[in-house]
Amino acid sequence: MDIITRMIKRNGRNKKTIELPDDFKGENLEIIIKSDLEKILPEAENQKADDNLRSELRKFYADFKVDLSKFKFNRDELYDR
C-alpha cells in the first residue's frame, strides 16, 4: 500500500486539488485531513498544565520551610556503626 503525505497550505480557500503520481496504483482512496494546529495546541495545553502544577506545588510546599543554614552533613558519622 502506498502512502502519500503532503503538507498543503490552504491560503484561505475551501477547495484544494491533489495530484496523484502516475505510478499510484490505488483505485480507492482514503483521505485524512488534519489541521496543523493539532501540533501546536497540545504543546500550549501541556505548558499550561505544567504551569498550573508548578503553582499548585509552590502553594502546597510553601508551609514546609525548614531552615537548614546551620545543618552540617558528616559523612564519617553516616558510616559509623
Protein backbone atom coordinates (compact mmCIF):
# COMPACT_ATOMS: atom_id res chain seq x y z
CA MET A 1 0.00 0.00 0.00
CA ASP A 2 1.40 3.38 -0.95
CA ILE A 3 1.02 6.26 1.44
CA ILE A 4 1.42 9.83 0.32
CA THR A 5 1.77 12.51 2.96
CA ARG A 6 1.85 16.15 1.98
CA MET A 7 1.57 19.44 3.80
CA ILE A 8 -0.76 21.73 1.90
CA LYS A 9 -1.14 25.40 2.65
CA ARG A 10 -4.77 26.38 2.48
CA ASN A 11 -4.38 30.13 1.73
CA GLY A 12 -7.94 30.81 2.90
CA ARG A 13 -9.59 28.80 0.14
CA ASN A 14 -12.05 25.96 0.74
CA LYS A 15 -11.09 23.88 -2.32
CA LYS A 16 -7.82 22.05 -2.95
CA THR A 17 -6.81 19.80 -5.83
CA ILE A 18 -4.47 16.93 -5.07
CA GLU A 19 -2.49 15.45 -7.94
CA LEU A 20 -1.55 11.81 -7.56
CA PRO A 21 1.61 10.36 -9.09
CA ASP A 22 1.23 8.32 -12.30
CA ASP A 23 2.54 5.16 -10.62
CA PHE A 24 -0.01 5.34 -7.79
CA LYS A 25 -1.91 2.07 -8.11
CA GLY A 26 -4.76 2.51 -5.64
CA GLU A 27 -8.26 2.67 -7.11
CA ASN A 28 -9.94 3.53 -3.84
CA LEU A 29 -8.57 6.32 -1.68
CA GLU A 30 -8.88 7.12 1.98
CA ILE A 31 -8.25 10.79 2.63
CA ILE A 32 -7.49 12.02 6.14
CA ILE A 33 -7.32 15.76 6.68
CA LYS A 34 -5.73 17.08 9.87
CA SER A 35 -5.07 20.64 10.85
CA ASP A 36 -1.52 21.59 11.77
CA LEU A 37 -2.97 23.25 14.87
CA GLU A 38 -3.01 19.76 16.40
CA LYS A 39 0.77 20.01 16.57
CA ILE A 40 0.74 23.43 18.22
CA LEU A 41 -2.20 23.24 20.64
CA PRO A 42 -1.13 20.19 22.67
CA GLU A 43 2.19 21.92 23.43
CA ALA A 44 0.38 25.02 24.65
CA GLU A 45 -2.03 22.93 26.71
CA ASN A 46 0.84 20.92 28.19
CA GLN A 47 2.67 24.14 29.06
CA LYS A 48 -0.45 25.49 30.81
CA ALA A 49 -0.88 22.21 32.70
CA ASP A 50 2.79 22.29 33.74
CA ASP A 51 2.49 25.89 34.91
CA ASN A 52 -0.65 25.07 36.89
CA LEU A 53 1.03 22.08 38.51
CA ARG A 54 4.09 24.15 39.43
CA SER A 55 1.97 26.88 41.01
CA GLU A 56 -0.05 24.31 42.97
CA LEU A 57 3.14 22.64 44.21
CA ARG A 58 4.60 26.00 45.28
CA LYS A 59 1.43 26.77 47.24
CA PHE A 60 1.42 23.35 48.87
CA TYR A 61 5.09 23.33 49.88
CA ALA A 62 5.18 26.99 50.97
CA ASP A 63 4.22 25.94 54.53
CA PHE A 64 7.02 23.37 54.77
CA LYS A 65 10.00 25.67 55.03
CA VAL A 66 12.88 24.45 57.20
CA ASP A 67 15.98 26.47 57.97
CA LEU A 68 18.95 24.28 57.05
CA SER A 69 21.58 27.02 57.15
CA LYS A 70 23.22 25.55 60.29
CA PHE A 71 22.94 21.92 59.19
CA LYS A 72 26.27 20.14 58.72
CA PHE A 73 26.50 16.81 56.93
CA ASN A 74 29.07 14.47 58.44
CA ARG A 75 29.84 11.63 56.05
CA ASP A 76 32.02 9.80 58.57
CA GLU A 77 29.21 9.79 61.10
CA LEU A 78 26.92 8.34 58.48
CA TYR A 79 29.05 5.22 58.05
CA ASP A 80 29.79 4.70 61.76
CA ARG A 81 28.01 1.67 63.13
